Protein backbone atom coordinates (compact mmCIF):
# COMPACT_ATOMS: atom_id res chain seq x y z
CA MET A 1 25.59 3.85 10.48
CA TYR A 2 22.55 2.31 8.81
CA LYS A 3 19.91 0.72 11.04
CA VAL A 4 18.33 -2.43 9.61
CA VAL A 5 14.84 -3.30 10.84
CA VAL A 6 12.35 -6.11 10.34
CA PRO A 7 8.52 -5.82 10.33
CA GLY A 8 7.27 -4.85 13.78
CA ASP A 9 10.55 -3.34 15.06
CA PHE A 10 10.12 -0.21 17.18
CA ILE A 11 11.67 2.86 15.54
CA SER A 12 10.56 6.03 17.30
CA ASP A 13 8.07 7.82 19.54
CA GLU A 14 7.77 10.70 17.06
CA VAL A 15 4.51 9.70 15.37
CA ASN A 16 4.28 13.03 13.53
CA ARG A 17 7.35 12.00 11.51
CA ALA A 18 6.05 8.56 10.49
CA GLY A 19 6.46 8.10 6.76
CA GLU A 20 6.61 5.45 4.06
CA GLY A 21 7.39 1.93 5.24
CA THR A 22 6.23 2.58 8.81
CA TYR A 23 3.03 2.30 10.80
CA VAL A 24 1.83 3.81 14.06
CA ASP A 25 0.37 1.84 16.94
CA GLU A 26 -0.40 3.23 20.41
CA GLY A 27 1.71 6.32 19.91
CA LYS A 28 4.82 4.57 18.60
CA VAL A 29 6.33 4.17 15.13
CA TYR A 30 7.16 0.66 13.89
CA ALA A 31 8.74 -0.80 10.77
CA MET A 32 6.28 -2.11 8.22
CA HIS A 33 8.80 -4.20 6.31
CA TYR A 34 12.42 -5.38 6.22
CA GLY A 35 14.72 -2.53 5.29
CA ILE A 36 16.94 0.38 6.28
CA VAL A 37 15.72 3.30 8.41
CA ASN A 38 16.03 6.76 6.87
CA ASP A 39 15.24 9.32 9.58
CA LYS A 40 16.14 12.52 7.74
CA GLY A 41 12.90 14.51 7.80
CA GLU A 42 10.16 11.89 7.72
CA ILE A 43 11.02 8.53 9.23
CA LYS A 44 11.01 6.01 6.40
CA VAL A 45 11.96 2.38 5.98
CA VAL A 46 13.59 1.71 2.60
CA ALA A 47 12.84 -1.88 1.62
CA LEU A 48 15.78 -4.17 0.92
CA SER A 49 13.78 -6.76 -1.00
CA GLY A 50 13.52 -6.79 -4.79
CA LYS A 51 11.71 -3.84 -6.30
CA TYR A 52 8.53 -4.07 -8.32
CA VAL A 53 8.94 -3.94 -12.10
CA PRO A 54 5.68 -2.86 -13.79
CA THR A 55 4.10 -4.64 -16.74
CA ASN A 56 1.17 -3.71 -18.97
CA GLY A 57 -2.19 -4.16 -17.28
CA ASP A 58 -0.97 -4.14 -13.67
CA ILE A 59 -3.26 -2.42 -11.17
CA VAL A 60 -1.15 -0.34 -8.78
CA ILE A 61 -1.51 2.11 -5.93
CA GLY A 62 0.57 5.19 -6.63
CA LYS A 63 1.47 8.44 -4.90
CA ILE A 64 1.68 11.78 -6.69
CA VAL A 65 5.23 13.06 -6.11
CA GLU A 66 5.63 15.73 -8.79
CA ILE A 67 3.57 17.76 -11.24
CA SER A 68 5.30 18.41 -14.54
CA PHE A 69 2.77 19.61 -17.12
CA PRO A 70 1.16 17.74 -18.82
CA TYR A 71 2.06 14.84 -16.48
CA TRP A 72 1.61 13.86 -12.88
CA ILE A 73 4.71 11.92 -11.80
CA VAL A 74 3.71 8.95 -9.69
CA ASP A 75 5.69 6.82 -7.23
CA ILE A 76 4.59 3.21 -7.74
CA ALA A 77 7.17 1.54 -5.45
CA SER A 78 9.38 0.81 -8.43
CA PRO A 79 12.84 1.93 -9.62
CA TYR A 80 11.04 3.34 -12.66
CA GLU A 81 8.95 6.50 -12.37
CA ALA A 82 5.44 6.42 -13.74
CA ARG A 83 3.62 9.17 -15.60
CA LEU A 84 -0.06 9.99 -15.72
CA HIS A 85 -0.96 12.29 -18.63
CA ASN A 86 -3.65 14.82 -17.86
CA SER A 87 -5.69 13.51 -20.80
CA GLU A 88 -6.06 10.23 -18.89
CA PHE A 89 -7.75 11.93 -15.95
CA ALA A 90 -11.18 10.27 -15.67
CA GLY A 91 -13.03 13.39 -14.55
CA THR A 92 -11.82 15.65 -17.38
CA ARG A 93 -12.36 13.68 -20.55
CA ARG A 94 -14.44 16.52 -21.98
CA ASP A 95 -12.36 19.37 -20.57
CA LYS A 96 -8.75 20.28 -21.17
CA ILE A 97 -6.66 20.83 -18.04
CA GLU A 98 -4.78 24.09 -18.30
CA PHE A 99 -1.22 24.70 -17.15
CA GLY A 100 -1.21 25.52 -13.44
CA ASP A 101 -4.54 23.81 -12.76
CA MET A 102 -3.37 20.22 -12.44
CA ASN A 103 -3.12 20.33 -8.65
CA LYS A 104 -6.85 21.11 -8.52
CA TYR A 105 -7.48 17.57 -9.72
CA LEU A 106 -4.60 15.62 -8.19
CA ASP A 107 -2.11 17.20 -5.81
CA LEU A 108 1.22 16.17 -4.30
CA GLY A 109 0.80 13.35 -1.81
CA ASP A 110 -2.52 12.12 -3.21
CA LEU A 111 -2.88 8.35 -3.47
CA ILE A 112 -4.44 6.86 -6.59
CA VAL A 113 -5.43 3.50 -7.98
CA ALA A 114 -4.21 3.23 -11.56
CA LYS A 115 -3.60 0.75 -14.34
CA VAL A 116 -0.28 0.43 -16.16
CA LEU A 117 -1.21 1.48 -19.68
CA ASN A 118 2.15 0.67 -21.25
CA VAL A 119 5.85 0.33 -20.54
CA ASP A 120 8.17 1.27 -23.37
CA ALA A 121 11.64 -0.03 -24.23
CA LEU A 122 13.25 2.68 -22.07
CA MET A 123 11.08 1.61 -19.10
CA ARG A 124 8.98 4.75 -19.21
CA VAL A 125 5.75 3.80 -17.47
CA ASN A 126 2.46 5.37 -18.49
CA LEU A 127 -0.65 5.06 -16.34
CA THR A 128 -4.38 5.39 -16.77
CA LEU A 129 -6.86 5.85 -13.94
CA ARG A 130 -9.40 3.36 -12.68
CA ASP A 131 -13.02 4.50 -12.33
CA GLU A 132 -12.69 4.71 -8.54
CA PHE A 133 -9.23 6.16 -8.61
CA LYS A 134 -8.64 8.43 -5.64
CA ILE A 135 -7.98 7.02 -2.18
CA GLY A 136 -9.39 9.20 0.58
CA ASP A 137 -7.86 10.21 3.87
CA ARG A 138 -9.52 7.51 5.97
CA GLY A 139 -7.82 4.15 6.06
CA ARG A 140 -4.28 2.83 6.09
CA LEU A 141 -1.75 2.06 3.43
CA ILE A 142 0.50 -0.95 3.95
CA GLU A 143 3.46 -1.77 1.75
CA ILE A 144 4.89 -5.28 1.48
CA SER A 145 7.14 -6.93 -1.07
CA HIS A 146 5.30 -7.28 -4.36
CA THR A 147 6.44 -10.91 -4.40
CA LYS A 148 4.18 -11.61 -1.40
CA VAL A 149 1.02 -10.30 -3.08
CA PRO A 150 -0.10 -13.73 -4.40
CA ARG A 151 0.15 -15.12 -0.86
CA VAL A 152 -2.02 -12.31 0.55
CA ILE A 153 -4.63 -12.98 -2.14
CA GLY A 154 -4.41 -16.77 -1.76
CA ARG A 155 -5.49 -19.55 -4.08
CA SER A 156 -8.69 -18.49 -5.87
CA GLY A 157 -8.80 -15.46 -3.58
CA SER A 158 -9.27 -17.55 -0.44
CA MET A 159 -6.89 -15.61 1.83
CA ILE A 160 -8.09 -12.12 0.93
CA LYS A 161 -11.74 -13.20 1.24
CA MET A 162 -11.09 -14.53 4.75
CA LEU A 163 -9.18 -11.37 5.66
CA LYS A 164 -12.05 -9.11 4.57
CA GLU A 165 -14.75 -11.15 6.27
CA LYS A 166 -13.05 -11.84 9.60
CA CYS A 167 -11.44 -8.43 9.98
CA ASN A 168 -14.60 -6.67 8.79
CA CYS A 169 -12.54 -4.34 6.58
CA PHE A 170 -12.36 -3.20 2.99
CA VAL A 171 -9.01 -4.49 1.70
CA PHE A 172 -7.59 -3.63 -1.72
CA VAL A 173 -4.39 -5.36 -2.82
CA ALA A 174 -2.40 -3.79 -5.67
CA LYS A 175 0.14 -5.58 -7.85
CA ASN A 176 2.99 -3.35 -6.64
CA GLY A 177 2.70 -4.58 -3.05
CA ARG A 178 0.66 -1.70 -1.66
CA ILE A 179 -2.48 -2.60 0.24
CA TRP A 180 -5.24 -0.20 1.25
CA ILE A 181 -7.29 -1.08 4.34
CA LYS A 182 -10.40 0.80 5.43
CA GLY A 183 -12.58 0.15 8.46
CA ARG A 184 -12.81 0.83 12.19
CA ASP A 185 -9.49 1.43 13.94
CA ALA A 186 -9.53 -1.87 15.87
CA ASP A 187 -10.42 -3.82 12.73
CA MET A 188 -7.71 -2.08 10.70
CA ASN A 189 -5.16 -2.88 13.42
CA LEU A 190 -6.11 -6.54 13.20
CA ALA A 191 -5.99 -6.58 9.39
CA LEU A 192 -2.59 -4.88 9.46
CA GLU A 193 -1.25 -7.47 11.89
CA VAL A 194 -2.54 -10.33 9.76
CA VAL A 195 -1.14 -8.90 6.51
CA LEU A 196 2.30 -8.56 8.13
CA MET A 197 1.96 -12.12 9.44
CA ILE A 198 1.19 -13.38 5.93
CA SER A 199 4.09 -11.40 4.48
CA ASN A 200 6.55 -12.68 7.07
CA GLU A 201 5.45 -16.30 6.77
CA ALA A 202 4.67 -16.39 3.04
CA HIS A 203 7.33 -19.05 2.45
CA THR A 204 5.83 -21.52 4.96
CA SER A 205 3.23 -24.23 4.47
CA GLY A 206 -0.11 -24.35 6.26
CA LEU A 207 -0.28 -20.56 6.41
CA THR A 208 -3.98 -20.28 5.56
CA ASP A 209 -4.91 -22.58 8.45
CA ARG A 210 -2.69 -20.64 10.87
CA VAL A 211 -4.20 -17.33 9.80
CA ALA A 212 -7.72 -18.72 10.20
CA HIS A 213 -6.86 -20.05 13.68
CA PHE A 214 -5.33 -16.72 14.66
CA LEU A 215 -8.38 -14.75 13.52
CA ASP A 216 -10.84 -17.13 15.16
CA SER A 217 -8.89 -17.02 18.43
CA PHE A 218 -8.72 -13.24 18.32
CA LYS A 219 -12.46 -12.97 17.71
CA LYS A 220 -13.21 -15.41 20.54
CA ASN A 221 -10.99 -13.47 22.95
CA ARG A 222 -12.52 -10.16 21.96
CA GLU A 223 -16.04 -11.50 22.47
CA GLY A 224 -14.95 -12.89 25.84
CA ASP A 225 -13.69 -9.46 26.90
CA ARG A 226 -17.09 -7.96 26.16
CA GLU A 227 -18.93 -10.38 28.47
């Protein structure tokens, strides 16, 4: 029987199995978004909301899932697989990548920031890399519905600016609903909580004010604990 979860639902104590669509907090695995739990191998939450459909020019966060010379195959949280040709690799524009050497540049599981170069009539998606393209090991990846991205960014960037400043984190929001957060653990926990709050309440009015009040209250309580 399928188990349906909502953001924040407890899933497991097996943190070593936490996979896509989950996050770990205090030694427990929780659901990152609304979806169905798949616990074969890694514990994953498969989102039930509408999938992202890429368009030319979109900036996305992708995961290398296969190497098929001369392409890296990239998961971009879409029903359509994306391809990154080795000629697009930013660090090798003067050098040809030989067969068997592609994993020296990008390997399975690596996270990248890329731009959708084009989408053809058969929905074959081709990518090109951004200048700062590879996401390191430190930080956390959050995945929300791509439809909630405008709410996380806010009008004229107001929400994302507040999130960065008050959580004291680097926050990068990609068009495909993946968000990269980097900072101290406590700050990342706070940013994660706020992003999930925004995602869950994206349809409501007055959200910016509620988020600001939440962050201010959290900061006040934290400063009070230090006294």
